[in-house]
C-alpha atoms as a PDB file:
ATOM      1  CA  MET A   1       0.000   0.000   0.000  1.00  0.00           C
ATOM      2  CA  ILE A   2       1.305   3.414  -0.946  1.00  0.00           C
ATOM      3  CA  VAL A   3       1.128   5.983   1.828  1.00  0.00           C
ATOM      4  CA  PRO A   4       0.578   9.498   0.512  1.00  0.00           C
ATOM      5  CA  ASN A   5       2.926  12.156   1.773  1.00  0.00           C
ATOM      6  CA  ARG A   6       1.615  14.845   4.085  1.00  0.00           C
ATOM      7  CA  THR A   7       0.946  17.469   1.413  1.00  0.00           C
ATOM      8  CA  GLU A   8      -1.142  15.107  -0.709  1.00  0.00           C
ATOM      9  CA  TRP A   9      -3.208  14.233   2.341  1.00  0.00           C
ATOM     10  CA  GLN A  10      -3.750  17.909   3.161  1.00  0.00           C
ATOM     11  CA  VAL A  11      -4.847  18.610  -0.425  1.00  0.00           C
ATOM     12  CA  ARG A  12      -7.345  15.750  -0.293  1.00  0.00           C
ATOM     13  CA  CYS A  13      -8.732  16.968   3.027  1.00  0.00           C
ATOM     14  CA  ALA A  14      -9.005  20.521   1.755  1.00  0.00           C
ATOM     15  CA  PHE A  15     -10.784  19.352  -1.407  1.00  0.00           C
ATOM     16  CA  ASN A  16     -13.092  17.132   0.655  1.00  0.00           C
ATOM     17  CA  ALA A  17     -13.974  20.067   2.923  1.00  0.00           C
ATOM     18  CA  PHE A  18     -14.545  22.299  -0.131  1.00  0.00           C
ATOM     19  CA  CYS A  19     -16.930  19.757  -1.705  1.00  0.00           C
ATOM     20  CA  LYS A  20     -18.880  19.373   1.532  1.00  0.00           C
ATOM     21  CA  ARG A  21     -19.171  23.151   1.893  1.00  0.00           C
ATOM     22  CA  VAL A  22     -20.442  23.513  -1.701  1.00  0.00           C
ATOM     23  CA  LEU A  23     -23.069  20.812  -1.122  1.00  0.00           C
ATOM     24  CA  LYS A  24     -24.147  22.364   2.180  1.00  0.00           C
ATOM     25  CA  ASN A  25     -24.473  25.837   0.602  1.00  0.00           C
ATOM     26  CA  GLU A  26     -26.451  24.412  -2.314  1.00  0.00           C
ATOM     27  CA  ALA A  27     -28.805  22.640   0.108  1.00  0.00           C
ATOM     28  CA  ILE A  28     -29.297  25.938   1.979  1.00  0.00           C
ATOM     29  CA  ASN A  29     -30.051  27.739  -1.303  1.00  0.00           C
ATOM     30  CA  ILE A  30     -32.622  25.111  -2.282  1.00  0.00           C
ATOM     31  CA  TYR A  31     -34.243  25.282   1.141  1.00  0.00           C
ATOM     32  CA  ASN A  32     -34.447  29.099   0.978  1.00  0.00           C
ATOM     33  CA  GLU A  33     -35.919  29.030  -2.540  1.00  0.00           C
ATOM     34  CA  ARG A  34     -38.513  26.489  -1.434  1.00  0.00           C
ATOM     35  CA  GLN A  35     -39.489  28.577   1.588  1.00  0.00           C
ATOM     36  CA  GLN A  36     -39.787  31.656  -0.624  1.00  0.00           C
ATOM     37  CA  ARG A  37     -41.982  29.774  -3.102  1.00  0.00           C
ATOM     38  CA  LEU A  38     -44.209  28.431  -0.318  1.00  0.00           C
ATOM     39  CA  THR A  39     -44.951  31.974   0.873  1.00  0.00           C
ATOM     40  CA  LYS A  40     -46.155  32.875  -2.648  1.00  0.00           C
ATOM     41  CA  GLU A  41     -48.059  29.683  -3.513  1.00  0.00           C
ATOM     42  CA  MET A  42     -51.572  28.736  -2.471  1.00  0.00           C
ATOM     43  CA  THR A  43     -53.276  25.353  -2.607  1.00  0.00           C
ATOM     44  CA  PHE A  44     -56.460  24.926  -4.617  1.00  0.00           C
ATOM     45  CA  SER A  45     -58.398  24.064  -1.466  1.00  0.00           C
ATOM     46  CA  ASP A  46     -57.552  27.511  -0.035  1.00  0.00           C
ATOM     47  CA  LEU A  47     -59.176  29.308  -2.993  1.00  0.00           C
ATOM     48  CA  THR A  48     -62.628  30.808  -2.743  1.00  0.00           C
ATOM     49  CA  PRO A  49     -65.184  29.517  -5.287  1.00  0.00           C
ATOM     50  CA  GLN A  50     -64.928  32.813  -7.200  1.00  0.00           C
ATOM     51  CA  GLU A  51     -61.135  32.518  -7.437  1.00  0.00           C
ATOM     52  CA  ALA A  52     -61.374  28.869  -8.488  1.00  0.00           C
ATOM     53  CA  ASN A  53     -63.820  29.759 -11.283  1.00  0.00           C
ATOM     54  CA  GLN A  54     -61.287  32.209 -12.705  1.00  0.00           C
ATOM     55  CA  LEU A  55     -58.730  29.436 -13.254  1.00  0.00           C
ATOM     56  CA  TYR A  56     -60.466  27.903 -16.272  1.00  0.00           C
ATOM     57  CA  ILE A  57     -62.790  28.651 -19.151  1.00  0.00           C
ATOM     58  CA  LEU A  58     -64.905  26.306 -21.213  1.00  0.00           C
ATOM     59  CA  ASP A  59     -63.924  26.061 -24.853  1.00  0.00           C
ATOM     60  CA  LYS A  60     -67.087  26.330 -26.912  1.00  0.00           C
ATOM     61  CA  GLN A  61     -65.334  26.371 -30.266  1.00  0.00           C
ATOM     62  CA  TYR A  62     -66.755  23.010 -31.352  1.00  0.00           C
ATOM     63  CA  GLU A  63     -70.145  23.274 -29.739  1.00  0.00           C
ATOM     64  CA  GLY A  64     -73.219  24.200 -31.689  1.00  0.00           C
ATOM     65  CA  GLU A  65     -75.914  26.540 -30.472  1.00  0.00           C
ATOM     66  CA  ASP A  66     -77.391  23.920 -28.192  1.00  0.00           C
ATOM     67  CA  GLY A  67     -73.995  22.488 -27.226  1.00  0.00           C
ATOM     68  CA  GLU A  68     -74.831  19.030 -28.558  1.00  0.00           C
ATOM     69  CA  CYS A  69     -73.315  19.065 -32.038  1.00  0.00           C
ATOM     70  CA  PHE A  70     -70.193  20.017 -33.924  1.00  0.00           C
ATOM     71  CA  GLN A  71     -69.164  20.567 -37.512  1.00  0.00           C
ATOM     72  CA  VAL A  72     -66.595  18.430 -39.309  1.00  0.00           C
ATOM     73  CA  ALA A  73     -65.792  19.057 -42.984  1.00  0.00           C
ATOM     74  CA  GLY A  74     -69.087  20.909 -43.391  1.00  0.00           C
ATOM     75  CA  LYS A  75     -71.126  18.045 -41.916  1.00  0.00           C
ATOM     76  CA  LYS A  76     -73.164  18.468 -38.745  1.00  0.00           C
ATOM     77  CA  ILE A  77     -72.450  15.676 -36.227  1.00  0.00           C
ATOM     78  CA  THR A  78     -74.842  15.385 -33.282  1.00  0.00           C
ATOM     79  CA  LEU A  79     -74.448  13.257 -30.177  1.00  0.00           C
ATOM     80  CA  LYS A  80     -77.467  11.204 -31.235  1.00  0.00           C
ATOM     81  CA  LEU A  81     -75.869  10.507 -34.614  1.00  0.00           C
ATOM     82  CA  LEU A  82     -72.612   9.501 -32.957  1.00  0.00           C
ATOM     83  CA  ALA A  83     -74.475   7.209 -30.545  1.00  0.00           C
ATOM     84  CA  GLU A  84     -76.391   5.641 -33.432  1.00  0.00           C
ATOM     85  CA  ALA A  85     -73.137   5.099 -35.316  1.00  0.00           C
ATOM     86  CA  MET A  86     -71.713   3.308 -32.263  1.00  0.00           C
ATOM     87  CA  ARG A  87     -74.860   1.143 -32.064  1.00  0.00           C
ATOM     88  CA  THR A  88     -74.299  -0.079 -35.628  1.00  0.00           C
ATOM     89  CA  LEU A  89     -71.025  -1.725 -34.574  1.00  0.00           C
ATOM     90  CA  PRO A  90     -71.021  -5.352 -33.462  1.00  0.00           C
ATOM     91  CA  LYS A  91     -70.701  -5.760 -29.706  1.00  0.00           C
ATOM     92  CA  GLU A  92     -67.049  -6.918 -29.721  1.00  0.00           C
ATOM     93  CA  LYS A  93     -65.971  -4.043 -31.968  1.00  0.00           C
ATOM     94  CA  ARG A  94     -67.930  -1.534 -29.872  1.00  0.00           C
ATOM     95  CA  LYS A  95     -66.138  -2.758 -26.729  1.00  0.00           C
ATOM     96  CA  THR A  96     -62.779  -2.329 -28.417  1.00  0.00           C
ATOM     97  CA  VAL A  97     -63.570   1.218 -29.570  1.00  0.00           C
ATOM     98  CA  LEU A  98     -64.903   2.239 -26.167  1.00  0.00           C
ATOM     99  CA  LEU A  99     -61.917   0.827 -24.301  1.00  0.00           C
ATOM    100  CA  TYR A 100     -59.418   2.426 -26.673  1.00  0.00           C
ATOM    101  CA  TYR A 101     -60.907   5.880 -27.298  1.00  0.00           C
ATOM    102  CA  PHE A 102     -62.886   6.508 -24.127  1.00  0.00           C
ATOM    103  CA  PHE A 103     -60.952   4.594 -21.467  1.00  0.00           C
ATOM    104  CA  ASP A 104     -57.447   5.236 -22.881  1.00  0.00           C
ATOM    105  CA  LYS A 105     -56.493   1.574 -22.909  1.00  0.00           C
ATOM    106  CA  SER A 106     -53.677   0.382 -25.161  1.00  0.00           C
ATOM    107  CA  ASP A 107     -54.107  -2.477 -27.624  1.00  0.00           C
ATOM    108  CA  VAL A 108     -52.103  -4.719 -25.299  1.00  0.00           C
ATOM    109  CA  GLU A 109     -54.300  -3.861 -22.289  1.00  0.00           C
ATOM    110  CA  ILE A 110     -57.484  -4.443 -24.315  1.00  0.00           C
ATOM    111  CA  ALA A 111     -56.130  -7.776 -25.571  1.00  0.00           C
ATOM    112  CA  GLU A 112     -55.488  -8.872 -21.988  1.00  0.00           C
ATOM    113  CA  LEU A 113     -58.936  -7.734 -20.841  1.00  0.00           C
ATOM    114  CA  LEU A 114     -60.812  -9.428 -23.675  1.00  0.00           C
ATOM    115  CA  GLU A 115     -58.403 -12.384 -23.830  1.00  0.00           C
ATOM    116  CA  ILE A 116     -57.771 -12.042 -27.562  1.00  0.00           C
ATOM    117  CA  PRO A 117     -54.594 -11.422 -29.606  1.00  0.00           C
ATOM    118  CA  ARG A 118     -53.324  -7.844 -29.860  1.00  0.00           C
ATOM    119  CA  SER A 119     -53.528  -7.978 -33.662  1.00  0.00           C
ATOM    120  CA  THR A 120     -57.247  -8.745 -33.381  1.00  0.00           C
ATOM    121  CA  VAL A 121     -57.700  -5.674 -31.187  1.00  0.00           C
ATOM    122  CA  GLN A 122     -55.900  -3.525 -33.735  1.00  0.00           C
ATOM    123  CA  TYR A 123     -57.979  -4.944 -36.593  1.00  0.00           C
ATOM    124  CA  ARG A 124     -61.253  -4.405 -34.726  1.00  0.00           C
ATOM    125  CA  ARG A 125     -60.295  -0.852 -33.821  1.00  0.00           C
ATOM    126  CA  THR A 126     -59.221   0.230 -37.305  1.00  0.00           C
ATOM    127  CA  SER A 127     -62.113  -1.487 -39.089  1.00  0.00           C
ATOM    128  CA  SER A 128     -64.568   0.018 -36.596  1.00  0.00           C
ATOM    129  CA  PHE A 129     -63.114   3.463 -37.170  1.00  0.00           C
ATOM    130  CA  LYS A 130     -63.577   3.095 -40.943  1.00  0.00           C
ATOM    131  CA  ARG A 131     -67.138   1.853 -40.433  1.00  0.00           C
ATOM    132  CA  LEU A 132     -67.982   4.757 -38.095  1.00  0.00           C
ATOM    133  CA  LYS A 133     -66.491   7.255 -40.541  1.00  0.00           C
ATOM    134  CA  ARG A 134     -68.527   5.845 -43.418  1.00  0.00           C
ATOM    135  CA  PHE A 135     -71.741   5.884 -41.339  1.00  0.00           C
ATOM    136  CA  LEU A 136     -71.203   9.483 -40.222  1.00  0.00           C
ATOM    137  CA  GLU A 137     -70.415  10.645 -43.757  1.00  0.00           C
ATOM    138  CA  GLU A 138     -73.587   9.013 -45.118  1.00  0.00           C
ATOM    139  CA  HIS A 139     -75.977  10.117 -42.370  1.00  0.00           C
ATOM    140  CA  ALA A 140     -74.596  13.450 -41.129  1.00  0.00           C
ATOM    141  CA  ASP A 141     -77.117  15.591 -42.973  1.00  0.00           C
ATOM    142  CA  ASP A 142     -80.092  13.305 -42.227  1.00  0.00           C
ATOM    143  CA  TRP A 143     -79.985  13.858 -38.457  1.00  0.00           C
ATOM    144  CA  ASP A 144     -81.138  17.336 -37.443  1.00  0.00           C
ATOM    145  CA  ASP A 145     -82.271  16.407 -33.897  1.00  0.00           C
END
């Protein structure tokens, strides 16, 4: 084992002390910044109802006059039309579409839930989407309710 001479040891100790001091000062800075931020921040539960209502707005860009329809490529799509389009799908395809688009499940998760291959889930989803698109294109102008 090589024993360092006294000056090397002193340099190592000095560097060690310097590193510890830098870390301690950085921790103090982080603590102070956090305390400063806490004095300026407020939790949502501390807000009054009026203040909470000012934090968001509802986007009505896609809503019709009654709030139950929207326009796509010049075609009027109502919620009833969309529901009817979903009803035209076979039960297994409807489940796949609902799980994927409305419950944010991946193809793998849906395959595990329904106990079918992932490729079948993908096929059902894409074919259902084409079928829904075709139905909506054909019937969009027929549904004024």
